[in-house]
PDB file of N, CA and C in Angstrom:
ATOM      1  N   UNK A   1     180.387  28.314-144.967  1.00  0.00           N
ATOM      2  CA  UNK A   1     179.829  27.480-145.283  1.00  0.00           C
ATOM      3  C   UNK A   1     181.452  26.691-145.589  1.00  0.00           C
ATOM      4  N   UNK A   2     182.172  25.944-145.488  1.00  0.00           N
ATOM      5  CA  UNK A   2     183.607  25.442-145.764  1.00  0.00           C
ATOM      6  C   UNK A   2     183.957  24.972-147.050  1.00  0.00           C
ATOM      7  N   UNK A   3     184.447  25.261-148.017  1.00  0.00           N
ATOM      8  CA  UNK A   3     184.866  24.534-149.456  1.00  0.00           C
ATOM      9  C   UNK A   3     185.760  24.184-149.044  1.00  0.00           C
ATOM     10  N   UNK A   4     185.663  22.109-149.116  1.00  0.00           N
ATOM     11  CA  UNK A   4     186.093  20.849-149.178  1.00  0.00           C
ATOM     12  C   UNK A   4     187.110  21.186-150.499  1.00  0.00           C
ATOM     13  N   UNK A   5     187.013  21.856-150.790  1.00  0.00           N
ATOM     14  CA  UNK A   5     188.809  21.918-151.778  1.00  0.00           C
ATOM     15  C   UNK A   5     189.411  22.974-152.049  1.00  0.00           C
ATOM     16  N   UNK A   6     188.572  23.588-150.688  1.00  0.00           N
ATOM     17  CA  UNK A   6     190.410  23.740-150.633  1.00  0.00           C
ATOM     18  C   UNK A   6     191.198  23.302-149.062  1.00  0.00           C
ATOM     19  N   UNK A   7     190.329  22.125-148.282  1.00  0.00           N
ATOM     20  CA  UNK A   7     191.951  21.204-148.051  1.00  0.00           C
ATOM     21  C   UNK A   7     192.469  20.784-148.891  1.00  0.00           C
ATOM     22  N   UNK A   8     193.990  20.691-147.260  1.00  0.00           N
ATOM     23  CA  UNK A   8     194.845  20.220-148.291  1.00  0.00           C
ATOM     24  C   UNK A   8     194.612  18.303-148.625  1.00  0.00           C
ATOM     25  N   UNK A   9     195.407  17.877-149.795  1.00  0.00           N
ATOM     26  CA  UNK A   9     194.843  16.629-150.176  1.00  0.00           C
ATOM     27  C   UNK A   9     195.050  15.641-148.820  1.00  0.00           C
ATOM     28  N   UNK A  10     194.780  14.684-149.724  1.00  0.00           N
ATOM     29  CA  UNK A  10     194.639  14.072-147.710  1.00  0.00           C
ATOM     30  C   UNK A  10     194.302  13.458-146.524  1.00  0.00           C
ATOM     31  N   UNK A  11     193.118  15.491-146.836  1.00  0.00           N
ATOM     32  CA  UNK A  11     192.866  15.543-145.867  1.00  0.00           C
ATOM     33  C   UNK A  11     191.049  14.633-145.385  1.00  0.00           C
ATOM     34  N   UNK A  12     190.894  14.010-144.764  1.00  0.00           N
ATOM     35  CA  UNK A  12     189.958  13.273-143.973  1.00  0.00           C
ATOM     36  C   UNK A  12     188.710  13.994-142.987  1.00  0.00           C
ATOM     37  N   UNK A  13     187.290  14.006-144.300  1.00  0.00           N
ATOM     38  CA  UNK A  13     186.015  14.350-144.044  1.00  0.00           C
ATOM     39  C   UNK A  13     185.089  13.699-143.090  1.00  0.00           C
ATOM     40  N   UNK A  14     184.497  13.864-142.707  1.00  0.00           N
ATOM     41  CA  UNK A  14     183.091  13.186-141.905  1.00  0.00           C
ATOM     42  C   UNK A  14     182.488  13.913-141.383  1.00  0.00           C
ATOM     43  N   UNK A  15     180.990  14.316-141.605  1.00  0.00           N
ATOM     44  CA  UNK A  15     180.088  14.833-140.880  1.00  0.00           C
ATOM     45  C   UNK A  15     179.700  13.986-139.507  1.00  0.00           C
ATOM     46  N   UNK A  16     179.109  14.481-138.944  1.00  0.00           N
ATOM     47  CA  UNK A  16     178.810  14.029-137.143  1.00  0.00           C
ATOM     48  C   UNK A  16     177.801  12.794-137.258  1.00  0.00           C
ATOM     49  N   UNK A  17     178.536  12.251-135.725  1.00  0.00           N
ATOM     50  CA  UNK A  17     177.967  10.866-135.953  1.00  0.00           C
ATOM     51  C   UNK A  17     178.546   9.869-137.381  1.00  0.00           C
ATOM     52  N   UNK A  18     179.300  10.207-137.591  1.00  0.00           N
ATOM     53  CA  UNK A  18     180.224   8.666-139.187  1.00  0.00           C
ATOM     54  C   UNK A  18     180.887   8.473-138.476  1.00  0.00           C
ATOM     55  N   UNK A  19     181.592   7.210-138.991  1.00  0.00           N
ATOM     56  CA  UNK A  19     183.386   6.199-138.634  1.00  0.00           C
ATOM     57  C   UNK A  19     181.981   4.822-138.464  1.00  0.00           C
ATOM     58  N   UNK A  20     183.327   4.340-137.555  1.00  0.00           N
ATOM     59  CA  UNK A  20     183.326   2.982-138.121  1.00  0.00           C
ATOM     60  C   UNK A  20     182.331   2.686-136.042  1.00  0.00           C
ATOM     61  N   UNK A  21     181.413   1.877-136.474  1.00  0.00           N
ATOM     62  CA  UNK A  21     180.902   2.575-134.851  1.00  0.00           C
ATOM     63  C   UNK A  21     180.881   0.489-133.740  1.00  0.00           C
ATOM     64  N   UNK A  22     181.536   0.485-133.274  1.00  0.00           N
ATOM     65  CA  UNK A  22     181.811  -0.885-132.329  1.00  0.00           C
ATOM     66  C   UNK A  22     181.029  -0.698-130.532  1.00  0.00           C
ATOM     67  N   UNK A  23     179.784  -1.540-130.704  1.00  0.00           N
ATOM     68  CA  UNK A  23     180.132  -1.733-129.529  1.00  0.00           C
ATOM     69  C   UNK A  23     180.406  -2.897-127.741  1.00  0.00           C
ATOM     70  N   UNK A  24     180.909  -1.817-127.298  1.00  0.00           N
ATOM     71  CA  UNK A  24     181.454  -2.827-126.484  1.00  0.00           C
ATOM     72  C   UNK A  24     181.756  -2.415-124.877  1.00  0.00           C
ATOM     73  N   UNK A  25     179.992  -2.403-124.860  1.00  0.00           N
ATOM     74  CA  UNK A  25     179.852  -3.374-123.212  1.00  0.00           C
ATOM     75  C   UNK A  25     179.027  -2.140-122.859  1.00  0.00           C
ATOM     76  N   UNK A  26     179.372  -0.934-121.991  1.00  0.00           N
ATOM     77  CA  UNK A  26     179.129  -0.132-121.177  1.00  0.00           C
ATOM     78  C   UNK A  26     179.982   0.762-121.936  1.00  0.00           C
ATOM     79  N   UNK A  27     180.631   0.929-123.033  1.00  0.00           N
ATOM     80  CA  UNK A  27     181.601   1.536-123.972  1.00  0.00           C
ATOM     81  C   UNK A  27     181.297   1.667-125.446  1.00  0.00           C
ATOM     82  N   UNK A  28     180.826   2.886-125.520  1.00  0.00           N
ATOM     83  CA  UNK A  28     180.982   2.397-127.108  1.00  0.00           C
ATOM     84  C   UNK A  28     182.931   3.115-128.193  1.00  0.00           C
ATOM     85  N   UNK A  29     183.204   2.473-128.507  1.00  0.00           N
ATOM     86  CA  UNK A  29     183.870   3.082-129.836  1.00  0.00           C
ATOM     87  C   UNK A  29     183.551   3.254-131.456  1.00  0.00           C
ATOM     88  N   UNK A  30     183.808   4.340-131.814  1.00  0.00           N
ATOM     89  CA  UNK A  30     183.966   5.559-133.855  1.00  0.00           C
ATOM     90  C   UNK A  30     185.580   5.933-133.773  1.00  0.00           C
ATOM     91  N   UNK A  31     185.743   4.815-134.929  1.00  0.00           N
ATOM     92  CA  UNK A  31     186.900   5.323-135.057  1.00  0.00           C
ATOM     93  C   UNK A  31     186.692   5.789-136.728  1.00  0.00           C
ATOM     94  N   UNK A  32     187.268   7.278-136.492  1.00  0.00           N
ATOM     95  CA  UNK A  32     186.407   7.782-137.520  1.00  0.00           C
ATOM     96  C   UNK A  32     188.157   8.154-138.492  1.00  0.00           C
ATOM     97  N   UNK A  33     189.284   7.935-137.935  1.00  0.00           N
ATOM     98  CA  UNK A  33     190.639   7.496-139.188  1.00  0.00           C
ATOM     99  C   UNK A  33     191.022   6.517-139.358  1.00  0.00           C
ATOM    100  N   UNK A  34     191.654   5.568-138.920  1.00  0.00           N
ATOM    101  CA  UNK A  34     193.310   4.704-138.486  1.00  0.00           C
ATOM    102  C   UNK A  34     193.589   4.252-139.496  1.00  0.00           C
ATOM    103  N   UNK A  35     193.903   3.461-139.858  1.00  0.00           N
ATOM    104  CA  UNK A  35     194.719   2.618-140.386  1.00  0.00           C
ATOM    105  C   UNK A  35     195.391   2.513-141.861  1.00  0.00           C
ATOM    106  N   UNK A  36     194.058   2.512-142.072  1.00  0.00           N
ATOM    107  CA  UNK A  36     193.208   1.728-143.576  1.00  0.00           C
ATOM    108  C   UNK A  36     193.804   4.004-144.102  1.00  0.00           C
ATOM    109  N   UNK A  37     193.232   4.663-143.572  1.00  0.00           N
ATOM    110  CA  UNK A  37     192.972   5.918-144.130  1.00  0.00           C
ATOM    111  C   UNK A  37     194.210   7.489-143.774  1.00  0.00           C
ATOM    112  N   UNK A  38     194.585   6.999-142.701  1.00  0.00           N
ATOM    113  CA  UNK A  38     196.061   7.377-142.637  1.00  0.00           C
ATOM    114  C   UNK A  38     197.650   6.634-142.600  1.00  0.00           C
ATOM    115  N   UNK A  39     197.207   5.459-143.532  1.00  0.00           N
ATOM    116  CA  UNK A  39     199.013   4.216-142.981  1.00  0.00           C
ATOM    117  C   UNK A  39     200.011   4.295-142.238  1.00  0.00           C
ATOM    118  N   UNK A  40     198.663   4.243-141.557  1.00  0.00           N
ATOM    119  CA  UNK A  40     198.999   3.488-140.408  1.00  0.00           C
ATOM    120  C   UNK A  40     199.984   5.284-139.522  1.00  0.00           C
ATOM    121  N   UNK A  41     199.903   5.624-139.469  1.00  0.00           N
ATOM    122  CA  UNK A  41     200.689   7.018-139.375  1.00  0.00           C
ATOM    123  C   UNK A  41     199.713   7.254-137.898  1.00  0.00           C
ATOM    124  N   UNK A  42     198.098   7.621-138.105  1.00  0.00           N
ATOM    125  CA  UNK A  42     197.797   8.766-136.470  1.00  0.00           C
ATOM    126  C   UNK A  42     196.713   7.240-136.399  1.00  0.00           C
ATOM    127  N   UNK A  43     195.194   7.517-135.679  1.00  0.00           N
ATOM    128  CA  UNK A  43     194.028   6.696-135.473  1.00  0.00           C
ATOM    129  C   UNK A  43     193.296   7.905-134.505  1.00  0.00           C
ATOM    130  N   UNK A  44     192.694   8.511-134.812  1.00  0.00           N
ATOM    131  CA  UNK A  44     191.407   9.159-134.378  1.00  0.00           C
ATOM    132  C   UNK A  44     189.908   8.319-133.893  1.00  0.00           C
ATOM    133  N   UNK A  45     190.295   8.423-132.858  1.00  0.00           N
ATOM    134  CA  UNK A  45     188.422   7.339-132.619  1.00  0.00           C
ATOM    135  C   UNK A  45     187.503   8.940-131.259  1.00  0.00           C
ATOM    136  N   UNK A  46     186.101   7.929-131.379  1.00  0.00           N
ATOM    137  CA  UNK A  46     185.694   8.541-129.540  1.00  0.00           C
ATOM    138  C   UNK A  46     185.533   7.385-129.368  1.00  0.00           C
ATOM    139  N   UNK A  47     185.421   7.616-127.601  1.00  0.00           N
ATOM    140  CA  UNK A  47     185.062   6.279-127.216  1.00  0.00           C
ATOM    141  C   UNK A  47     184.300   7.699-125.735  1.00  0.00           C
ATOM    142  N   UNK A  48     182.932   6.506-126.050  1.00  0.00           N
ATOM    143  CA  UNK A  48     181.092   6.176-124.699  1.00  0.00           C
ATOM    144  C   UNK A  48     181.343   6.460-124.094  1.00  0.00           C
ATOM    145  N   UNK A  49     181.732   5.917-122.879  1.00  0.00           N
ATOM    146  CA  UNK A  49     181.522   5.613-121.991  1.00  0.00           C
ATOM    147  C   UNK A  49     180.133   6.205-120.571  1.00  0.00           C
ATOM    148  N   UNK A  50     179.938   4.414-120.070  1.00  0.00           N
ATOM    149  CA  UNK A  50     178.990   4.670-119.699  1.00  0.00           C
ATOM    150  C   UNK A  50     179.122   5.103-118.327  1.00  0.00           C
ATOM    151  N   UNK A  51     178.197   5.970-117.871  1.00  0.00           N
ATOM    152  CA  UNK A  51     178.593   6.643-116.124  1.00  0.00           C
ATOM    153  C   UNK A  51     179.149   5.533-115.509  1.00  0.00           C
ATOM    154  N   UNK A  52     179.948   5.783-114.644  1.00  0.00           N
ATOM    155  CA  UNK A  52     180.543   4.716-113.377  1.00  0.00           C
ATOM    156  C   UNK A  52     181.112   3.749-114.255  1.00  0.00           C
ATOM    157  N   UNK A  53     181.690   3.703-115.161  1.00  0.00           N
ATOM    158  CA  UNK A  53     182.577   2.320-115.622  1.00  0.00           C
ATOM    159  C   UNK A  53     183.964   2.523-115.831  1.00  0.00           C
ATOM    160  N   UNK A  54     184.184   1.002-115.885  1.00  0.00           N
ATOM    161  CA  UNK A  54     185.557   1.684-115.489  1.00  0.00           C
ATOM    162  C   UNK A  54     186.233   2.276-117.170  1.00  0.00           C
ATOM    163  N   UNK A  55     186.042   2.266-118.172  1.00  0.00           N
ATOM    164  CA  UNK A  55     187.158   2.625-119.320  1.00  0.00           C
ATOM    165  C   UNK A  55     187.839   1.452-120.263  1.00  0.00           C
ATOM    166  N   UNK A  56     188.661   1.764-120.741  1.00  0.00           N
ATOM    167  CA  UNK A  56     189.211   0.936-121.562  1.00  0.00           C
ATOM    168  C   UNK A  56     190.405  -0.117-120.774  1.00  0.00           C
ATOM    169  N   UNK A  57     191.002   0.219-119.264  1.00  0.00           N
ATOM    170  CA  UNK A  57     191.067  -0.951-118.620  1.00  0.00           C
ATOM    171  C   UNK A  57     193.246  -0.218-119.484  1.00  0.00           C
ATOM    172  N   UNK A  58     194.209  -0.720-118.517  1.00  0.00           N
ATOM    173  CA  UNK A  58     195.618  -0.584-118.570  1.00  0.00           C
ATOM    174  C   UNK A  58     195.435  -1.174-119.779  1.00  0.00           C
ATOM    175  N   UNK A  59     196.799  -0.133-120.826  1.00  0.00           N
ATOM    176  CA  UNK A  59     197.176  -0.665-121.831  1.00  0.00           C
ATOM    177  C   UNK A  59     198.328  -0.167-122.377  1.00  0.00           C
ATOM    178  N   UNK A  60     198.490  -1.107-123.609  1.00  0.00           N
ATOM    179  CA  UNK A  60     200.021   0.282-124.395  1.00  0.00           C
ATOM    180  C   UNK A  60     199.098  -0.876-125.531  1.00  0.00           C
ATOM    181  N   UNK A  61     200.127   0.520-126.527  1.00  0.00           N
ATOM    182  CA  UNK A  61     200.341   0.067-127.254  1.00  0.00           C
ATOM    183  C   UNK A  61     201.716   0.801-127.772  1.00  0.00           C
ATOM    184  N   UNK A  62     202.897  -0.787-128.872  1.00  0.00           N
ATOM    185  CA  UNK A  62     204.454  -0.436-128.683  1.00  0.00           C
ATOM    186  C   UNK A  62     204.592   0.695-129.885  1.00  0.00           C
ATOM    187  N   UNK A  63     203.078   1.411-130.674  1.00  0.00           N
ATOM    188  CA  UNK A  63     203.862   1.531-131.770  1.00  0.00           C
ATOM    189  C   UNK A  63     203.693   3.422-131.943  1.00  0.00           C
ATOM    190  N   UNK A  64     202.197   3.314-131.155  1.00  0.00           N
ATOM    191  CA  UNK A  64     201.488   5.199-131.228  1.00  0.00           C
ATOM    192  C   UNK A  64     201.882   5.244-129.494  1.00  0.00           C
ATOM    193  N   UNK A  65     201.381   6.759-129.235  1.00  0.00           N
ATOM    194  CA  UNK A  65     200.602   7.367-127.765  1.00  0.00           C
ATOM    195  C   UNK A  65     199.458   7.289-127.991  1.00  0.00           C
ATOM    196  N   UNK A  66     199.029   7.730-126.805  1.00  0.00           N
ATOM    197  CA  UNK A  66     198.124   8.287-126.672  1.00  0.00           C
ATOM    198  C   UNK A  66     196.881   8.942-126.604  1.00  0.00           C
ATOM    199  N   UNK A  67     196.607   9.862-126.489  1.00  0.00           N
ATOM    200  CA  UNK A  67     196.028  12.080-126.021  1.00  0.00           C
ATOM    201  C   UNK A  67     194.321  11.641-125.848  1.00  0.00           C
ATOM    202  N   UNK A  68     194.145  12.187-125.270  1.00  0.00           N
ATOM    203  CA  UNK A  68     192.256  11.403-124.072  1.00  0.00           C
ATOM    204  C   UNK A  68     192.151  13.409-124.159  1.00  0.00           C
ATOM    205  N   UNK A  69     191.162  13.430-124.608  1.00  0.00           N
ATOM    206  CA  UNK A  69     190.092  14.668-124.583  1.00  0.00           C
ATOM    207  C   UNK A  69     188.915  14.981-122.672  1.00  0.00           C
ATOM    208  N   UNK A  70     189.228  14.447-121.851  1.00  0.00           N
ATOM    209  CA  UNK A  70     187.726  13.827-121.220  1.00  0.00           C
ATOM    210  C   UNK A  70     185.957  15.297-121.230  1.00  0.00           C
ATOM    211  N   UNK A  71     186.022  14.893-122.044  1.00  0.00           N
ATOM    212  CA  UNK A  71     184.101  15.986-122.125  1.00  0.00           C
ATOM    213  C   UNK A  71     183.700  16.077-120.752  1.00  0.00           C
ATOM    214  N   UNK A  72     183.556  15.543-119.921  1.00  0.00           N
ATOM    215  CA  UNK A  72     182.737  15.740-118.900  1.00  0.00           C
ATOM    216  C   UNK A  72     182.845  14.825-118.053  1.00  0.00           C
ATOM    217  N   UNK A  73     182.879  14.589-116.716  1.00  0.00           N
ATOM    218  CA  UNK A  73     183.217  14.096-116.095  1.00  0.00           C
ATOM    219  C   UNK A  73     184.391  13.668-115.229  1.00  0.00           C
ATOM    220  N   UNK A  74     185.156  11.748-114.865  1.00  0.00           N
ATOM    221  CA  UNK A  74     186.061  11.929-114.084  1.00  0.00           C
ATOM    222  C   UNK A  74     186.534  10.636-115.018  1.00  0.00           C
ATOM    223  N   UNK A  75     187.165  10.653-116.014  1.00  0.00           N
ATOM    224  CA  UNK A  75     188.393   9.307-115.461  1.00  0.00           C
ATOM    225  C   UNK A  75     189.502   9.001-115.302  1.00  0.00           C
ATOM    226  N   UNK A  76     189.713   7.365-114.548  1.00  0.00           N
ATOM    227  CA  UNK A  76     190.170   7.479-114.026  1.00  0.00           C
ATOM    228  C   UNK A  76     191.380   6.005-114.615  1.00  0.00           C
ATOM    229  N   UNK A  77     192.487   6.284-114.692  1.00  0.00           N
ATOM    230  CA  UNK A  77     193.548   5.393-115.510  1.00  0.00           C
ATOM    231  C   UNK A  77     194.252   4.520-114.192  1.00  0.00           C
TER     232      UNK A  77
END
């Protein structure tokens, strides 16, 4: 078992299924940490897409990069 007392100061720890959840039609977003928790330095979120959905569509964030880790299936940009 991990001892939470040994984590670096400022660590963000969430249990499974925790975070702010938003239903976006064929997508569901679960924000684990973003602006407030990270002092606007980064964001961590999960995005769940229904099969054969279009995903978030082309877009750009001026102040940050995005990384995608696809667990199953194929995502087209």
